Amino acid sequence: MSMLEAAHENDIELEGACEGSLACSTCHVIVMDMEYYNKLEDPTDEENDMLDLAFGLTETSRLGCQVIAKPELDGLRLALPMATRNFAVDGFVPKPH
């Protein structure tokens, strides 16, 4: 399960406008501890391209749709940026793939 999916299942306001298809940066999260950030797989070029569009980018920024829960991440703490950049028009509803 990704952090985006976990957020949605637990009523945490993490947008995910593209539904995890790596086409936006609205599920941008900030990993609070470098120790856990270093346990994550390196971001792909596609993720890095989307992170470049994220509001409030930090050294430990990731997309929530790309952070997958696994036992070694037990205790992972994430923060949400103060805003997101969503280039979709108001009322836009993404279509599932």
C-alpha atoms as a PDB file:
ATOM      1  CA  MET A   1       0.000   0.000   0.000  1.00  0.00           C
ATOM      2  CA  SER A   2       1.297   3.450  -0.857  1.00  0.00           C
ATOM      3  CA  MET A   3       1.225   6.381   1.539  1.00  0.00           C
ATOM      4  CA  LEU A   4      -1.309   8.023  -0.793  1.00  0.00           C
ATOM      5  CA  GLU A   5      -3.637   5.019  -0.472  1.00  0.00           C
ATOM      6  CA  ALA A   6      -3.114   4.886   3.291  1.00  0.00           C
ATOM      7  CA  ALA A   7      -3.919   8.595   3.580  1.00  0.00           C
ATOM      8  CA  HIS A   8      -7.148   8.180   1.629  1.00  0.00           C
ATOM      9  CA  GLU A   9      -8.215   5.160   3.712  1.00  0.00           C
ATOM     10  CA  ASN A  10      -7.651   7.191   6.890  1.00  0.00           C
ATOM     11  CA  ASP A  11      -9.327  10.463   5.800  1.00  0.00           C
ATOM     12  CA  ILE A  12      -6.037  12.359   5.593  1.00  0.00           C
ATOM     13  CA  GLU A  13      -6.229  15.190   3.085  1.00  0.00           C
ATOM     14  CA  LEU A  14      -3.552  14.171   0.602  1.00  0.00           C
ATOM     15  CA  GLU A  15      -4.913  15.035  -2.815  1.00  0.00           C
ATOM     16  CA  GLY A  16      -3.432  12.640  -5.386  1.00  0.00           C
ATOM     17  CA  ALA A  17      -5.144  14.317  -8.367  1.00  0.00           C
ATOM     18  CA  CYS A  18      -3.649  11.854 -10.883  1.00  0.00           C
ATOM     19  CA  GLU A  19      -4.590   8.852  -8.729  1.00  0.00           C
ATOM     20  CA  GLY A  20      -0.975   7.735  -8.374  1.00  0.00           C
ATOM     21  CA  SER A  21      -0.066   7.676 -12.064  1.00  0.00           C
ATOM     22  CA  LEU A  22       2.987   9.973 -11.659  1.00  0.00           C
ATOM     23  CA  ALA A  23       1.318  12.790 -13.585  1.00  0.00           C
ATOM     24  CA  CYS A  24       1.157  15.418 -10.818  1.00  0.00           C
ATOM     25  CA  SER A  25       2.782  16.435  -7.554  1.00  0.00           C
ATOM     26  CA  THR A  26      -0.338  16.786  -5.389  1.00  0.00           C
ATOM     27  CA  CYS A  27       0.605  13.836  -3.159  1.00  0.00           C
ATOM     28  CA  HIS A  28       3.924  15.461  -2.229  1.00  0.00           C
ATOM     29  CA  VAL A  29       5.019  14.446   1.272  1.00  0.00           C
ATOM     30  CA  ILE A  30       8.077  15.297   3.331  1.00  0.00           C
ATOM     31  CA  VAL A  31       9.865  12.470   5.121  1.00  0.00           C
ATOM     32  CA  MET A  32      10.642  13.826   8.589  1.00  0.00           C
ATOM     33  CA  ASP A  33      13.633  11.619   9.435  1.00  0.00           C
ATOM     34  CA  MET A  34      16.655  11.168   7.164  1.00  0.00           C
ATOM     35  CA  GLU A  35      17.112   7.661   8.596  1.00  0.00           C
ATOM     36  CA  TYR A  36      13.785   6.610   7.060  1.00  0.00           C
ATOM     37  CA  TYR A  37      14.322   8.631   3.891  1.00  0.00           C
ATOM     38  CA  ASN A  38      17.504   6.622   3.300  1.00  0.00           C
ATOM     39  CA  LYS A  39      15.528   3.363   3.603  1.00  0.00           C
ATOM     40  CA  LEU A  40      13.330   4.299   0.632  1.00  0.00           C
ATOM     41  CA  GLU A  41      14.152   3.205  -2.878  1.00  0.00           C
ATOM     42  CA  ASP A  42      15.652   6.019  -4.941  1.00  0.00           C
ATOM     43  CA  PRO A  43      13.059   8.087  -6.780  1.00  0.00           C
ATOM     44  CA  THR A  44      12.681   7.359 -10.480  1.00  0.00           C
ATOM     45  CA  ASP A  45      13.316  10.029 -13.101  1.00  0.00           C
ATOM     46  CA  GLU A  46       9.532  10.342 -13.528  1.00  0.00           C
ATOM     47  CA  GLU A  47       9.058  10.973  -9.809  1.00  0.00           C
ATOM     48  CA  ASN A  48      11.871  13.531  -9.779  1.00  0.00           C
ATOM     49  CA  ASP A  49      10.268  15.332 -12.736  1.00  0.00           C
ATOM     50  CA  MET A  50       6.990  15.629 -10.811  1.00  0.00           C
ATOM     51  CA  LEU A  51       8.756  16.628  -7.592  1.00  0.00           C
ATOM     52  CA  ASP A  52      10.325  19.522  -9.494  1.00  0.00           C
ATOM     53  CA  LEU A  53       6.771  20.915  -9.759  1.00  0.00           C
ATOM     54  CA  ALA A  54       5.952  20.444  -6.070  1.00  0.00           C
ATOM     55  CA  PHE A  55       5.319  23.343  -3.717  1.00  0.00           C
ATOM     56  CA  GLY A  56       7.767  23.569  -0.801  1.00  0.00           C
ATOM     57  CA  LEU A  57      10.218  20.979  -2.115  1.00  0.00           C
ATOM     58  CA  THR A  58      12.755  19.760   0.460  1.00  0.00           C
ATOM     59  CA  GLU A  59      15.738  17.436   0.505  1.00  0.00           C
ATOM     60  CA  THR A  60      13.495  14.635   1.812  1.00  0.00           C
ATOM     61  CA  SER A  61      10.476  15.241  -0.440  1.00  0.00           C
ATOM     62  CA  ARG A  62       8.786  12.286  -2.101  1.00  0.00           C
ATOM     63  CA  LEU A  63       5.480  11.570  -3.780  1.00  0.00           C
ATOM     64  CA  GLY A  64       3.142   9.695  -1.472  1.00  0.00           C
ATOM     65  CA  CYS A  65       2.070   7.416  -4.315  1.00  0.00           C
ATOM     66  CA  GLN A  66       5.659   6.181  -4.600  1.00  0.00           C
ATOM     67  CA  VAL A  67       6.343   5.512  -0.913  1.00  0.00           C
ATOM     68  CA  ILE A  68       5.244   1.922  -0.320  1.00  0.00           C
ATOM     69  CA  ALA A  69       4.646   0.609   3.201  1.00  0.00           C
ATOM     70  CA  LYS A  70       6.996  -2.174   4.281  1.00  0.00           C
ATOM     71  CA  PRO A  71       8.123  -3.463   7.685  1.00  0.00           C
ATOM     72  CA  GLU A  72      11.428  -1.572   7.747  1.00  0.00           C
ATOM     73  CA  LEU A  73       9.480   1.701   7.444  1.00  0.00           C
ATOM     74  CA  ASP A  74       7.543   1.101  10.673  1.00  0.00           C
ATOM     75  CA  GLY A  75       7.708   4.440  12.499  1.00  0.00           C
ATOM     76  CA  LEU A  76       8.005   6.533   9.326  1.00  0.00           C
ATOM     77  CA  ARG A  77       6.786  10.097   9.929  1.00  0.00           C
ATOM     78  CA  LEU A  78       5.574  12.261   7.056  1.00  0.00           C
ATOM     79  CA  ALA A  79       4.579  15.909   6.876  1.00  0.00           C
ATOM     80  CA  LEU A  80       2.307  17.520   4.320  1.00  0.00           C
ATOM     81  CA  PRO A  81       3.436  20.750   2.659  1.00  0.00           C
ATOM     82  CA  MET A  82       1.377  23.860   3.345  1.00  0.00           C
ATOM     83  CA  ALA A  83       0.026  23.872  -0.238  1.00  0.00           C
ATOM     84  CA  THR A  84       0.006  21.886  -3.459  1.00  0.00           C
ATOM     85  CA  ARG A  85       0.169  22.838  -7.098  1.00  0.00           C
ATOM     86  CA  ASN A  86      -2.747  21.383  -8.984  1.00  0.00           C
ATOM     87  CA  PHE A  87      -2.847  22.541 -12.592  1.00  0.00           C
ATOM     88  CA  ALA A  88      -6.258  20.972 -13.251  1.00  0.00           C
ATOM     89  CA  VAL A  89      -9.258  23.220 -13.796  1.00  0.00           C
ATOM     90  CA  ASP A  90     -11.719  23.523 -10.899  1.00  0.00           C
ATOM     91  CA  GLY A  91     -14.183  20.670 -11.002  1.00  0.00           C
ATOM     92  CA  PHE A  92     -11.788  18.378 -12.911  1.00  0.00           C
ATOM     93  CA  VAL A  93     -12.201  14.732 -11.957  1.00  0.00           C
ATOM     94  CA  PRO A  94      -9.369  12.435 -13.096  1.00  0.00           C
ATOM     95  CA  LYS A  95     -10.331   9.337 -15.043  1.00  0.00           C
ATOM     96  CA  PRO A  96      -9.039   5.992 -13.764  1.00  0.00           C
ATOM     97  CA  HIS A  97      -6.471   4.228 -15.918  1.00  0.00           C
END
